[in-house]
Amino acid sequence: MSVPTTESHHLRPSRATIEDVAKLAGVSVATVSRALRNLPNVADSTRNRVEIAALELNYHADPAASRLATGRSRSVAVVVQLLNGWYSSHVVAGVEAVCAEAGYDTIVVGVGPGSREQDVFAAASSIHRRVDAIIFVDVRVSSDELQALADQSLVLVSVGHELPEITSVGIDDVEVGRIAARHLIGLGHRRIGLINGPDELPFVVPHHRLTGFEEALREVGIEPDRSLYVAGNFTVQDGADALHALMDRPDPPTAIFALADEMAFGVILAADERGIRIPEDVSLIGVDDHDVAPVVGLTTVHQDVAEHGARAARLVVEQLAQGERLTDDGPAPVRLIVRRTTAPPSPS
């Protein structure tokens, strides 16, 4: 029997949740989970702040998960493209924190950065008997394949890439592209390079960011120059390679928009090797607000990645308890964080 698809509003439970503790303590849900389980890599001051917030909210996890239906595996699978990627690992951390609170184990399945829809479906099918739900992170799955999984009584949720007929969690990636372009345009840049996703896109997030970027350019009468676009695969090395390709041009851009912070870090490293000054010679903006971004002073478009995973897991847990599909509250907020890698272009 398939999971019912009756729409219902996402209602928060009356008791305090791990998200409530994270908000009060000013940390991520993953940090709350580590702190309350006495795991390492949590500063004493942070652990104390989390414990005080949990006490104030009368928060306690529910490892017995007595509300869950009998006969379930109490496991949730997370299907990701890059097991070691910063984005994927932070989404998984958010999922794991909420699942642990609800008494679920988390199983992570990597399908590779260039996976086709059939590959993702095959990976999901191989584990469907061991899990109650699957969370897809920026991967494509066709409608027919999603229905085949739903027919196994699996709850399905997507993070990042919006999949047909299942609940999706994420941000407005078109708006991300607009924010980045408008910031650079506002500083006076007109020749703006872009470090894109791979040429054969395995997911649509890069396409949406590119769409917003080009919309913002056209708003002020700038026709996008696609000769200034370089393909990447969201790694530091891709960013370094892109910087060389862009700055070796006879007419290099005065600014670069990297679709992910990790590629922006590669730009910074390669620029330093070549003696190119950021932002004096070229401005740089990324996306994510990676943990390293404040350290290197990267201007970026912030998103709370771990919170995406937490929201997805919360939807899974509540759908399993209620037996009906729930809708998310809409795109999560994003905001521009201006640091020292962007400035007006130098006079010619």
C-alpha atoms as a PDB file:
ATOM      1  CA  MET A   1       0.000   0.000   0.000  1.00  0.00           C
ATOM      2  CA  SER A   2       1.407   3.397  -0.958  1.00  0.00           C
ATOM      3  CA  VAL A   3       1.922   6.232   1.494  1.00  0.00           C
ATOM      4  CA  PRO A   4      -1.188   8.480   1.506  1.00  0.00           C
ATOM      5  CA  THR A   5      -0.613  11.797  -0.251  1.00  0.00           C
ATOM      6  CA  THR A   6      -3.242  13.894   1.496  1.00  0.00           C
ATOM      7  CA  GLU A   7      -1.718  17.336   2.018  1.00  0.00           C
ATOM      8  CA  SER A   8      -1.456  18.576   5.584  1.00  0.00           C
ATOM      9  CA  HIS A   9       0.265  21.542   7.155  1.00  0.00           C
ATOM     10  CA  HIS A  10       3.533  20.929   8.976  1.00  0.00           C
ATOM     11  CA  LEU A  11       2.690  21.222  12.656  1.00  0.00           C
ATOM     12  CA  ARG A  12       5.444  21.249  15.264  1.00  0.00           C
ATOM     13  CA  PRO A  13       4.962  18.884  18.197  1.00  0.00           C
ATOM     14  CA  SER A  14       4.015  20.481  21.507  1.00  0.00           C
ATOM     15  CA  ARG A  15       7.026  19.112  23.379  1.00  0.00           C
ATOM     16  CA  ALA A  16      10.417  20.730  22.879  1.00  0.00           C
ATOM     17  CA  THR A  17      12.436  19.349  19.966  1.00  0.00           C
ATOM     18  CA  ILE A  18      16.124  19.265  19.206  1.00  0.00           C
ATOM     19  CA  GLU A  19      15.549  22.170  16.784  1.00  0.00           C
ATOM     20  CA  ASP A  20      14.127  24.257  19.641  1.00  0.00           C
ATOM     21  CA  VAL A  21      17.233  23.607  21.731  1.00  0.00           C
ATOM     22  CA  ALA A  22      19.497  24.484  18.805  1.00  0.00           C
ATOM     23  CA  LYS A  23      17.685  27.774  18.232  1.00  0.00           C
ATOM     24  CA  LEU A  24      17.833  28.787  21.887  1.00  0.00           C
ATOM     25  CA  ALA A  25      21.501  27.828  22.210  1.00  0.00           C
ATOM     26  CA  GLY A  26      22.451  29.437  18.912  1.00  0.00           C
ATOM     27  CA  VAL A  27      24.052  26.299  17.438  1.00  0.00           C
ATOM     28  CA  SER A  28      23.192  23.644  14.862  1.00  0.00           C
ATOM     29  CA  VAL A  29      21.069  20.585  15.594  1.00  0.00           C
ATOM     30  CA  ALA A  30      24.143  18.448  14.963  1.00  0.00           C
ATOM     31  CA  THR A  31      26.028  20.297  17.697  1.00  0.00           C
ATOM     32  CA  VAL A  32      23.127  19.802  20.110  1.00  0.00           C
ATOM     33  CA  SER A  33      23.145  16.089  19.360  1.00  0.00           C
ATOM     34  CA  ARG A  34      26.903  15.805  19.939  1.00  0.00           C
ATOM     35  CA  ALA A  35      26.800  17.902  23.107  1.00  0.00           C
ATOM     36  CA  LEU A  36      23.960  16.003  24.763  1.00  0.00           C
ATOM     37  CA  ARG A  37      25.533  12.646  23.946  1.00  0.00           C
ATOM     38  CA  ASN A  38      28.901  13.765  25.351  1.00  0.00           C
ATOM     39  CA  LEU A  39      30.651  13.245  22.026  1.00  0.00           C
ATOM     40  CA  PRO A  40      34.019  14.925  21.356  1.00  0.00           C
ATOM     41  CA  ASN A  41      34.717  18.064  19.290  1.00  0.00           C
ATOM     42  CA  VAL A  42      32.314  20.262  21.247  1.00  0.00           C
ATOM     43  CA  ALA A  43      33.775  23.176  23.201  1.00  0.00           C
ATOM     44  CA  ASP A  44      32.994  23.176  26.937  1.00  0.00           C
ATOM     45  CA  SER A  45      31.317  26.582  26.666  1.00  0.00           C
ATOM     46  CA  THR A  46      29.123  25.341  23.828  1.00  0.00           C
ATOM     47  CA  ARG A  47      28.250  22.133  25.677  1.00  0.00           C
ATOM     48  CA  ASN A  48      27.253  24.172  28.741  1.00  0.00           C
ATOM     49  CA  ARG A  49      25.107  26.490  26.630  1.00  0.00           C
ATOM     50  CA  VAL A  50      23.335  23.520  25.043  1.00  0.00           C
ATOM     51  CA  GLU A  51      22.739  21.847  28.392  1.00  0.00           C
ATOM     52  CA  ILE A  52      21.290  25.054  29.838  1.00  0.00           C
ATOM     53  CA  ALA A  53      18.986  25.458  26.830  1.00  0.00           C
ATOM     54  CA  ALA A  54      17.826  21.839  27.093  1.00  0.00           C
ATOM     55  CA  LEU A  55      17.135  22.286  30.806  1.00  0.00           C
ATOM     56  CA  GLU A  56      15.237  25.518  30.237  1.00  0.00           C
ATOM     57  CA  LEU A  57      13.052  23.875  27.577  1.00  0.00           C
ATOM     58  CA  ASN A  58      12.660  20.653  29.572  1.00  0.00           C
ATOM     59  CA  TYR A  59      13.960  18.858  26.508  1.00  0.00           C
ATOM     60  CA  HIS A  60      14.671  15.162  26.471  1.00  0.00           C
ATOM     61  CA  ALA A  61      15.109  12.772  23.572  1.00  0.00           C
ATOM     62  CA  ASP A  62      12.691   9.940  22.996  1.00  0.00           C
ATOM     63  CA  PRO A  63      14.938   6.982  22.197  1.00  0.00           C
ATOM     64  CA  ALA A  64      12.173   4.470  22.819  1.00  0.00           C
ATOM     65  CA  ALA A  65      10.081   6.184  20.100  1.00  0.00           C
ATOM     66  CA  SER A  66       6.922   4.681  21.587  1.00  0.00           C
ATOM     67  CA  ARG A  67       4.733   6.507  19.072  1.00  0.00           C
ATOM     68  CA  LEU A  68       6.251   4.633  16.148  1.00  0.00           C
ATOM     69  CA  ALA A  69       4.316   1.818  14.525  1.00  0.00           C
ATOM     70  CA  THR A  70       5.353  -1.687  15.494  1.00  0.00           C
ATOM     71  CA  GLY A  71       7.194  -3.757  12.978  1.00  0.00           C
ATOM     72  CA  ARG A  72       9.176  -0.838  11.538  1.00  0.00           C
ATOM     73  CA  SER A  73      12.912  -0.994  11.058  1.00  0.00           C
ATOM     74  CA  ARG A  74      13.479   2.327  12.837  1.00  0.00           C
ATOM     75  CA  SER A  75      16.002   3.248  10.159  1.00  0.00           C
ATOM     76  CA  VAL A  76      16.116   6.110   7.657  1.00  0.00           C
ATOM     77  CA  ALA A  77      18.340   6.102   4.571  1.00  0.00           C
ATOM     78  CA  VAL A  78      19.980   9.250   3.212  1.00  0.00           C
ATOM     79  CA  VAL A  79      21.010   9.023  -0.449  1.00  0.00           C
ATOM     80  CA  VAL A  80      23.745  11.534  -1.359  1.00  0.00           C
ATOM     81  CA  GLN A  81      26.061  12.126  -4.315  1.00  0.00           C
ATOM     82  CA  LEU A  82      29.251  12.969  -2.439  1.00  0.00           C
ATOM     83  CA  LEU A  83      29.843  11.101   0.805  1.00  0.00           C
ATOM     84  CA  ASN A  84      32.762  13.337   1.761  1.00  0.00           C
ATOM     85  CA  GLY A  85      31.326  16.638   0.534  1.00  0.00           C
ATOM     86  CA  TRP A  86      30.802  19.441   3.049  1.00  0.00           C
ATOM     87  CA  TYR A  87      27.206  20.024   1.985  1.00  0.00           C
ATOM     88  CA  SER A  88      26.245  16.349   2.112  1.00  0.00           C
ATOM     89  CA  SER A  89      27.947  15.752   5.449  1.00  0.00           C
ATOM     90  CA  HIS A  90      26.138  18.695   7.052  1.00  0.00           C
ATOM     91  CA  VAL A  91      22.752  17.595   5.694  1.00  0.00           C
ATOM     92  CA  VAL A  92      23.429  14.098   7.051  1.00  0.00           C
ATOM     93  CA  ALA A  93      24.424  15.566  10.426  1.00  0.00           C
ATOM     94  CA  GLY A  94      21.067  17.348  10.643  1.00  0.00           C
ATOM     95  CA  VAL A  95      19.200  14.194   9.655  1.00  0.00           C
ATOM     96  CA  GLU A  96      21.106  12.072  12.157  1.00  0.00           C
ATOM     97  CA  ALA A  97      20.456  14.472  15.035  1.00  0.00           C
ATOM     98  CA  VAL A  98      16.671  14.419  14.592  1.00  0.00           C
ATOM     99  CA  CYS A  99      16.557  10.689  13.832  1.00  0.00           C
ATOM    100  CA  ALA A 100      18.571   9.885  16.962  1.00  0.00           C
ATOM    101  CA  GLU A 101      16.131  11.962  18.996  1.00  0.00           C
ATOM    102  CA  ALA A 102      13.220   9.927  17.568  1.00  0.00           C
ATOM    103  CA  GLY A 103      14.871   6.539  18.007  1.00  0.00           C
ATOM    104  CA  TYR A 104      15.861   5.993  14.375  1.00  0.00           C
ATOM    105  CA  ASP A 105      19.181   4.857  12.956  1.00  0.00           C
ATOM    106  CA  THR A 106      20.573   6.660   9.910  1.00  0.00           C
ATOM    107  CA  ILE A 107      21.996   4.801   6.917  1.00  0.00           C
ATOM    108  CA  VAL A 108      23.992   6.874   4.414  1.00  0.00           C
ATOM    109  CA  VAL A 109      24.235   5.718   0.798  1.00  0.00           C
ATOM    110  CA  GLY A 110      26.564   7.377  -1.711  1.00  0.00           C
ATOM    111  CA  VAL A 111      25.728   7.189  -5.425  1.00  0.00           C
ATOM    112  CA  GLY A 112      28.544   9.264  -6.955  1.00  0.00           C
ATOM    113  CA  PRO A 113      28.550  12.788  -8.419  1.00  0.00           C
ATOM    114  CA  GLY A 114      27.566  11.781 -11.968  1.00  0.00           C
ATOM    115  CA  SER A 115      24.849   9.298 -11.111  1.00  0.00           C
ATOM    116  CA  ARG A 116      21.897   8.808 -13.408  1.00  0.00           C
ATOM    117  CA  GLU A 117      18.318   8.465 -12.166  1.00  0.00           C
ATOM    118  CA  GLN A 118      18.531   4.694 -12.701  1.00  0.00           C
ATOM    119  CA  ASP A 119      21.637   4.501 -10.505  1.00  0.00           C
ATOM    120  CA  VAL A 120      19.906   6.368  -7.685  1.00  0.00           C
ATOM    121  CA  PHE A 121      16.841   4.143  -7.954  1.00  0.00           C
ATOM    122  CA  ALA A 122      18.998   1.013  -7.901  1.00  0.00           C
ATOM    123  CA  ALA A 123      20.787   2.222  -4.767  1.00  0.00           C
ATOM    124  CA  ALA A 124      17.488   3.048  -3.051  1.00  0.00           C
ATOM    125  CA  SER A 125      15.923  -0.258  -4.075  1.00  0.00           C
ATOM    126  CA  SER A 126      18.817  -2.226  -2.618  1.00  0.00           C
ATOM    127  CA  ILE A 127      18.080  -0.933   0.887  1.00  0.00           C
ATOM    128  CA  HIS A 128      14.326  -0.415   0.862  1.00  0.00           C
ATOM    129  CA  ARG A 129      13.628  -3.504   2.976  1.00  0.00           C
ATOM    130  CA  ARG A 130      15.944  -2.216   5.725  1.00  0.00           C
ATOM    131  CA  VAL A 131      14.519   1.278   6.130  1.00  0.00           C
ATOM    132  CA  ASP A 132      11.211   3.044   6.731  1.00  0.00           C
ATOM    133  CA  ALA A 133      12.044   6.168   4.754  1.00  0.00           C
ATOM    134  CA  ILE A 134      14.516   7.579   2.254  1.00  0.00           C
ATOM    135  CA  ILE A 135      15.806  11.153   2.126  1.00  0.00           C
ATOM    136  CA  PHE A 136      17.287  12.092  -1.252  1.00  0.00           C
ATOM    137  CA  VAL A 137      19.923  14.849  -1.191  1.00  0.00           C
ATOM    138  CA  ASP A 138      20.333  16.691  -4.513  1.00  0.00           C
ATOM    139  CA  VAL A 139      19.716  13.638  -6.695  1.00  0.00           C
ATOM    140  CA  ARG A 140      17.241  12.946  -9.468  1.00  0.00           C
ATOM    141  CA  VAL A 141      14.673  10.167  -9.378  1.00  0.00           C
ATOM    142  CA  SER A 142      11.876   9.824 -11.939  1.00  0.00           C
ATOM    143  CA  SER A 143       8.167   9.879 -11.051  1.00  0.00           C
ATOM    144  CA  ASP A 144       7.776   6.190 -11.944  1.00  0.00           C
ATOM    145  CA  GLU A 145      10.718   5.209  -9.767  1.00  0.00           C
ATOM    146  CA  LEU A 146       9.466   7.293  -6.849  1.00  0.00           C
ATOM    147  CA  GLN A 147       6.083   5.605  -7.140  1.00  0.00           C
ATOM    148  CA  ALA A 148       7.738   2.193  -7.122  1.00  0.00           C
ATOM    149  CA  LEU A 149       9.466   3.103  -3.864  1.00  0.00           C
ATOM    150  CA  ALA A 150       6.291   4.578  -2.372  1.00  0.00           C
ATOM    151  CA  ASP A 151       4.510   1.322  -3.218  1.00  0.00           C
ATOM    152  CA  GLN A 152       6.901  -0.325  -0.744  1.00  0.00           C
ATOM    153  CA  SER A 153       5.291   1.834   1.992  1.00  0.00           C
ATOM    154  CA  LEU A 154       8.369   4.048   2.201  1.00  0.00           C
ATOM    155  CA  VAL A 155       8.157   7.695   3.236  1.00  0.00           C
ATOM    156  CA  LEU A 156      10.136   9.793   0.747  1.00  0.00           C
ATOM    157  CA  VAL A 157      11.530  13.304   1.196  1.00  0.00           C
ATOM    158  CA  SER A 158      13.936  15.320  -0.957  1.00  0.00           C
ATOM    159  CA  VAL A 159      16.518  17.912   0.102  1.00  0.00           C
ATOM    160  CA  GLY A 160      17.737  20.489  -2.414  1.00  0.00           C
ATOM    161  CA  HIS A 161      16.435  19.031  -5.655  1.00  0.00           C
ATOM    162  CA  GLU A 162      12.632  19.170  -5.846  1.00  0.00           C
ATOM    163  CA  LEU A 163      11.327  15.766  -6.853  1.00  0.00           C
ATOM    164  CA  PRO A 164       7.831  15.181  -8.276  1.00  0.00           C
ATOM    165  CA  GLU A 165       5.010  14.311  -5.901  1.00  0.00           C
ATOM    166  CA  ILE A 166       7.074  14.042  -2.722  1.00  0.00           C
ATOM    167  CA  THR A 167       7.823  16.551   0.028  1.00  0.00           C
ATOM    168  CA  SER A 168      10.870  18.699  -0.683  1.00  0.00           C
ATOM    169  CA  VAL A 169      13.046  20.816   1.617  1.00  0.00           C
ATOM    170  CA  GLY A 170      15.480  23.464   0.489  1.00  0.00           C
ATOM    171  CA  ILE A 171      16.090  27.032  -0.574  1.00  0.00           C
ATOM    172  CA  ASP A 172      15.176  29.227  -3.524  1.00  0.00           C
ATOM    173  CA  ASP A 173      18.298  28.651  -5.622  1.00  0.00           C
ATOM    174  CA  VAL A 174      17.165  31.114  -8.278  1.00  0.00           C
ATOM    175  CA  GLU A 175      17.145  33.788  -5.578  1.00  0.00           C
ATOM    176  CA  VAL A 176      20.644  32.695  -4.526  1.00  0.00           C
ATOM    177  CA  GLY A 177      21.891  33.504  -8.018  1.00  0.00           C
ATOM    178  CA  ARG A 178      20.106  36.858  -7.994  1.00  0.00           C
ATOM    179  CA  ILE A 179      21.592  37.810  -4.612  1.00  0.00           C
ATOM    180  CA  ALA A 180      25.131  37.034  -5.723  1.00  0.00           C
ATOM    181  CA  ALA A 181      24.824  38.861  -9.046  1.00  0.00           C
ATOM    182  CA  ARG A 182      23.128  41.908  -7.561  1.00  0.00           C
ATOM    183  CA  HIS A 183      25.862  42.257  -4.967  1.00  0.00           C
ATOM    184  CA  LEU A 184      28.587  42.237  -7.604  1.00  0.00           C
ATOM    185  CA  ILE A 185      26.626  44.516  -9.936  1.00  0.00           C
ATOM    186  CA  GLY A 186      26.014  46.927  -7.072  1.00  0.00           C
ATOM    187  CA  LEU A 187      29.769  47.182  -6.542  1.00  0.00           C
ATOM    188  CA  GLY A 188      30.188  48.163 -10.198  1.00  0.00           C
ATOM    189  CA  HIS A 189      31.212  44.878 -11.812  1.00  0.00           C
ATOM    190  CA  ARG A 190      30.055  44.224 -15.363  1.00  0.00           C
ATOM    191  CA  ARG A 191      32.319  41.361 -16.507  1.00  0.00           C
ATOM    192  CA  ILE A 192      31.485  38.567 -14.107  1.00  0.00           C
ATOM    193  CA  GLY A 193      32.803  35.030 -14.420  1.00  0.00           C
ATOM    194  CA  LEU A 194      30.886  32.043 -13.122  1.00  0.00           C
ATOM    195  CA  ILE A 195      32.124  28.678 -11.863  1.00  0.00           C
ATOM    196  CA  ASN A 196      29.214  26.400 -12.677  1.00  0.00           C
ATOM    197  CA  GLY A 197      28.285  22.799 -11.948  1.00  0.00           C
ATOM    198  CA  PRO A 198      29.295  19.985 -14.329  1.00  0.00           C
ATOM    199  CA  ASP A 199      28.383  20.272 -18.017  1.00  0.00           C
ATOM    200  CA  GLU A 200      26.098  17.248 -17.759  1.00  0.00           C
ATOM    201  CA  LEU A 201      24.179  18.266 -14.660  1.00  0.00           C
ATOM    202  CA  PRO A 202      23.181  15.382 -12.377  1.00  0.00           C
ATOM    203  CA  PHE A 203      20.874  17.787 -10.518  1.00  0.00           C
ATOM    204  CA  VAL A 204      19.242  21.147 -11.162  1.00  0.00           C
ATOM    205  CA  VAL A 205      20.566  23.336  -8.325  1.00  0.00           C
ATOM    206  CA  PRO A 206      23.377  24.808 -10.480  1.00  0.00           C
ATOM    207  CA  HIS A 207      20.899  25.497 -13.272  1.00  0.00           C
ATOM    208  CA  HIS A 208      18.619  27.413 -10.896  1.00  0.00           C
ATOM    209  CA  ARG A 209      21.503  29.492  -9.518  1.00  0.00           C
ATOM    210  CA  LEU A 210      22.646  30.251 -13.049  1.00  0.00           C
ATOM    211  CA  THR A 211      19.105  31.284 -13.981  1.00  0.00           C
ATOM    212  CA  GLY A 212      18.916  33.774 -11.111  1.00  0.00           C
ATOM    213  CA  PHE A 213      22.391  35.086 -11.911  1.00  0.00           C
ATOM    214  CA  GLU A 214      21.482  35.787 -15.533  1.00  0.00           C
ATOM    215  CA  GLU A 215      18.120  37.324 -14.593  1.00  0.00           C
ATOM    216  CA  ALA A 216      19.883  39.827 -12.332  1.00  0.00           C
ATOM    217  CA  LEU A 217      22.336  40.757 -15.090  1.00  0.00           C
ATOM    218  CA  ARG A 218      19.564  41.332 -17.613  1.00  0.00           C
ATOM    219  CA  GLU A 219      17.640  43.457 -15.108  1.00  0.00           C
ATOM    220  CA  VAL A 220      20.322  46.135 -15.509  1.00  0.00           C
ATOM    221  CA  GLY A 221      20.885  45.651 -19.225  1.00  0.00           C
ATOM    222  CA  ILE A 222      23.917  43.351 -19.052  1.00  0.00           C
ATOM    223  CA  GLU A 223      23.814  40.442 -21.482  1.00  0.00           C
ATOM    224  CA  PRO A 224      25.422  37.394 -19.810  1.00  0.00           C
ATOM    225  CA  ASP A 225      28.714  36.348 -21.414  1.00  0.00           C
ATOM    226  CA  ARG A 226      28.724  32.561 -21.343  1.00  0.00           C
ATOM    227  CA  SER A 227      32.326  32.493 -22.486  1.00  0.00           C
ATOM    228  CA  LEU A 228      33.072  33.504 -18.883  1.00  0.00           C
ATOM    229  CA  TYR A 229      31.434  30.333 -17.504  1.00  0.00           C
ATOM    230  CA  VAL A 230      33.635  27.416 -16.435  1.00  0.00           C
ATOM    231  CA  ALA A 231      32.284  23.993 -15.475  1.00  0.00           C
ATOM    232  CA  GLY A 232      33.174  22.545 -12.069  1.00  0.00           C
ATOM    233  CA  ASN A 233      32.202  19.685  -9.828  1.00  0.00           C
ATOM    234  CA  PHE A 234      32.093  21.454  -6.465  1.00  0.00           C
ATOM    235  CA  THR A 235      35.645  20.708  -5.346  1.00  0.00           C
ATOM    236  CA  VAL A 236      38.531  22.952  -4.339  1.00  0.00           C
ATOM    237  CA  GLN A 237      40.549  21.757  -7.339  1.00  0.00           C
ATOM    238  CA  ASP A 238      37.698  22.702  -9.692  1.00  0.00           C
ATOM    239  CA  GLY A 239      37.816  26.237  -8.335  1.00  0.00           C
ATOM    240  CA  ALA A 240      41.570  26.467  -8.806  1.00  0.00           C
ATOM    241  CA  ASP A 241      41.330  25.196 -12.376  1.00  0.00           C
ATOM    242  CA  ALA A 242      38.532  27.669 -13.121  1.00  0.00           C
ATOM    243  CA  LEU A 243      40.553  30.610 -11.809  1.00  0.00           C
ATOM    244  CA  HIS A 244      43.409  29.738 -14.170  1.00  0.00           C
ATOM    245  CA  ALA A 245      41.040  29.380 -17.115  1.00  0.00           C
ATOM    246  CA  LEU A 246      39.310  32.697 -16.438  1.00  0.00           C
ATOM    247  CA  MET A 247      42.383  34.776 -15.665  1.00  0.00           C
ATOM    248  CA  ASP A 248      44.348  33.406 -18.654  1.00  0.00           C
ATOM    249  CA  ARG A 249      41.834  35.107 -20.949  1.00  0.00           C
ATOM    250  CA  PRO A 250      42.939  38.302 -22.701  1.00  0.00           C
ATOM    251  CA  ASP A 251      39.921  40.039 -21.114  1.00  0.00           C
ATOM    252  CA  PRO A 252      39.492  38.357 -17.680  1.00  0.00           C
ATOM    253  CA  PRO A 253      36.477  39.089 -15.484  1.00  0.00           C
ATOM    254  CA  THR A 254      36.649  41.592 -12.635  1.00  0.00           C
ATOM    255  CA  ALA A 255      34.539  39.332 -10.413  1.00  0.00           C
ATOM    256  CA  ILE A 256      33.766  35.613 -10.058  1.00  0.00           C
ATOM    257  CA  PHE A 257      30.649  33.895  -8.735  1.00  0.00           C
ATOM    258  CA  ALA A 258      31.431  30.344  -7.544  1.00  0.00           C
ATOM    259  CA  LEU A 259      28.285  28.259  -7.105  1.00  0.00           C
ATOM    260  CA  ALA A 260      29.720  26.688  -3.947  1.00  0.00           C
ATOM    261  CA  ASP A 261      32.181  27.899  -1.322  1.00  0.00           C
ATOM    262  CA  GLU A 262      34.479  24.909  -1.790  1.00  0.00           C
ATOM    263  CA  MET A 263      35.145  25.993  -5.378  1.00  0.00           C
ATOM    264  CA  ALA A 264      35.678  29.557  -4.116  1.00  0.00           C
ATOM    265  CA  PHE A 265      38.403  28.252  -1.787  1.00  0.00           C
ATOM    266  CA  GLY A 266      40.169  26.839  -4.835  1.00  0.00           C
ATOM    267  CA  VAL A 267      39.990  30.263  -6.467  1.00  0.00           C
ATOM    268  CA  ILE A 268      41.628  31.817  -3.405  1.00  0.00           C
ATOM    269  CA  LEU A 269      44.448  29.249  -3.371  1.00  0.00           C
ATOM    270  CA  ALA A 270      45.151  29.551  -7.105  1.00  0.00           C
ATOM    271  CA  ALA A 271      45.001  33.355  -6.980  1.00  0.00           C
ATOM    272  CA  ASP A 272      47.592  33.382  -4.202  1.00  0.00           C
ATOM    273  CA  GLU A 273      49.888  31.138  -6.246  1.00  0.00           C
ATOM    274  CA  ARG A 274      49.638  33.505  -9.212  1.00  0.00           C
ATOM    275  CA  GLY A 275      49.971  36.718  -7.265  1.00  0.00           C
ATOM    276  CA  ILE A 276      46.391  37.763  -8.097  1.00  0.00           C
ATOM    277  CA  ARG A 277      44.932  39.889  -5.339  1.00  0.00           C
ATOM    278  CA  ILE A 278      41.391  39.306  -4.052  1.00  0.00           C
ATOM    279  CA  PRO A 279      39.443  41.602  -4.153  1.00  0.00           C
ATOM    280  CA  GLU A 280      41.779  44.220  -5.684  1.00  0.00           C
ATOM    281  CA  ASP A 281      42.277  42.296  -8.960  1.00  0.00           C
ATOM    282  CA  VAL A 282      39.157  40.153  -8.905  1.00  0.00           C
ATOM    283  CA  SER A 283      36.212  39.955  -6.490  1.00  0.00           C
ATOM    284  CA  LEU A 284      34.863  36.591  -5.389  1.00  0.00           C
ATOM    285  CA  ILE A 285      31.547  35.395  -3.956  1.00  0.00           C
ATOM    286  CA  GLY A 286      30.442  31.863  -3.082  1.00  0.00           C
ATOM    287  CA  VAL A 287      27.404  30.005  -1.749  1.00  0.00           C
ATOM    288  CA  ASP A 288      26.846  28.081   1.509  1.00  0.00           C
ATOM    289  CA  ASP A 289      28.774  29.919   4.249  1.00  0.00           C
ATOM    290  CA  HIS A 290      31.047  26.927   4.757  1.00  0.00           C
ATOM    291  CA  ASP A 291      32.748  26.646   8.156  1.00  0.00           C
ATOM    292  CA  VAL A 292      35.983  27.909   6.562  1.00  0.00           C
ATOM    293  CA  ALA A 293      34.353  30.917   4.860  1.00  0.00           C
ATOM    294  CA  PRO A 294      34.716  33.277   7.863  1.00  0.00           C
ATOM    295  CA  VAL A 295      38.343  32.209   8.289  1.00  0.00           C
ATOM    296  CA  VAL A 296      39.320  33.247   4.753  1.00  0.00           C
ATOM    297  CA  GLY A 297      36.948  36.227   4.698  1.00  0.00           C
ATOM    298  CA  LEU A 298      34.810  34.877   1.853  1.00  0.00           C
ATOM    299  CA  THR A 299      31.735  36.834   0.848  1.00  0.00           C
ATOM    300  CA  THR A 300      28.973  34.267   0.372  1.00  0.00           C
ATOM    301  CA  VAL A 301      25.250  33.546   0.295  1.00  0.00           C
ATOM    302  CA  HIS A 302      24.453  31.827   3.577  1.00  0.00           C
ATOM    303  CA  GLN A 303      22.206  28.806   3.960  1.00  0.00           C
ATOM    304  CA  ASP A 304      21.739  26.660   7.073  1.00  0.00           C
ATOM    305  CA  VAL A 305      22.628  23.307   5.561  1.00  0.00           C
ATOM    306  CA  ALA A 306      22.341  21.155   8.697  1.00  0.00           C
ATOM    307  CA  GLU A 307      18.904  22.641   9.304  1.00  0.00           C
ATOM    308  CA  HIS A 308      17.784  21.357   5.870  1.00  0.00           C
ATOM    309  CA  GLY A 309      18.618  17.846   7.005  1.00  0.00           C
ATOM    310  CA  ALA A 310      16.884  18.377  10.334  1.00  0.00           C
ATOM    311  CA  ARG A 311      13.732  19.664   8.637  1.00  0.00           C
ATOM    312  CA  ALA A 312      13.696  16.708   6.252  1.00  0.00           C
ATOM    313  CA  ALA A 313      14.127  14.221   9.090  1.00  0.00           C
ATOM    314  CA  ARG A 314      11.421  15.907  11.164  1.00  0.00           C
ATOM    315  CA  LEU A 315       9.026  15.585   8.225  1.00  0.00           C
ATOM    316  CA  VAL A 316       9.931  11.905   7.883  1.00  0.00           C
ATOM    317  CA  VAL A 317       9.353  11.183  11.571  1.00  0.00           C
ATOM    318  CA  GLU A 318       6.017  13.003  11.630  1.00  0.00           C
ATOM    319  CA  GLN A 319       4.831  11.393   8.400  1.00  0.00           C
ATOM    320  CA  LEU A 320       5.639   7.950   9.764  1.00  0.00           C
ATOM    321  CA  ALA A 321       3.701   8.764  12.922  1.00  0.00           C
ATOM    322  CA  GLN A 322       0.687  10.298  11.157  1.00  0.00           C
ATOM    323  CA  GLY A 323       0.539   8.136   8.044  1.00  0.00           C
ATOM    324  CA  GLU A 324       0.037  11.023   5.638  1.00  0.00           C
ATOM    325  CA  ARG A 325       2.175  13.284   3.527  1.00  0.00           C
ATOM    326  CA  LEU A 326       3.116  16.602   5.109  1.00  0.00           C
ATOM    327  CA  THR A 327       4.209  19.746   3.316  1.00  0.00           C
ATOM    328  CA  ASP A 328       7.231  21.796   4.277  1.00  0.00           C
ATOM    329  CA  ASP A 329       6.905  25.432   5.301  1.00  0.00           C
ATOM    330  CA  GLY A 330       8.466  26.670   2.055  1.00  0.00           C
ATOM    331  CA  PRO A 331      12.008  27.628   1.043  1.00  0.00           C
ATOM    332  CA  ALA A 332      14.404  28.174   3.930  1.00  0.00           C
ATOM    333  CA  PRO A 333      15.833  31.697   4.197  1.00  0.00           C
ATOM    334  CA  VAL A 334      19.135  32.700   2.606  1.00  0.00           C
ATOM    335  CA  ARG A 335      21.103  35.881   3.141  1.00  0.00           C
ATOM    336  CA  LEU A 336      24.155  37.680   1.841  1.00  0.00           C
ATOM    337  CA  ILE A 337      27.213  37.670   4.110  1.00  0.00           C
ATOM    338  CA  VAL A 338      29.655  40.370   2.984  1.00  0.00           C
ATOM    339  CA  ARG A 339      33.272  39.809   3.959  1.00  0.00           C
ATOM    340  CA  ARG A 340      36.555  40.928   2.442  1.00  0.00           C
ATOM    341  CA  THR A 341      36.628  39.084  -0.917  1.00  0.00           C
ATOM    342  CA  THR A 342      34.342  41.549  -2.731  1.00  0.00           C
ATOM    343  CA  ALA A 343      34.948  45.224  -3.527  1.00  0.00           C
ATOM    344  CA  PRO A 344      34.428  47.656  -6.404  1.00  0.00           C
ATOM    345  CA  PRO A 345      36.546  46.911  -9.486  1.00  0.00           C
ATOM    346  CA  SER A 346      39.914  48.647  -9.649  1.00  0.00           C
ATOM    347  CA  PRO A 347      40.121  51.608 -12.043  1.00  0.00           C
ATOM    348  CA  SER A 348      41.404  50.569 -15.461  1.00  0.00           C
END
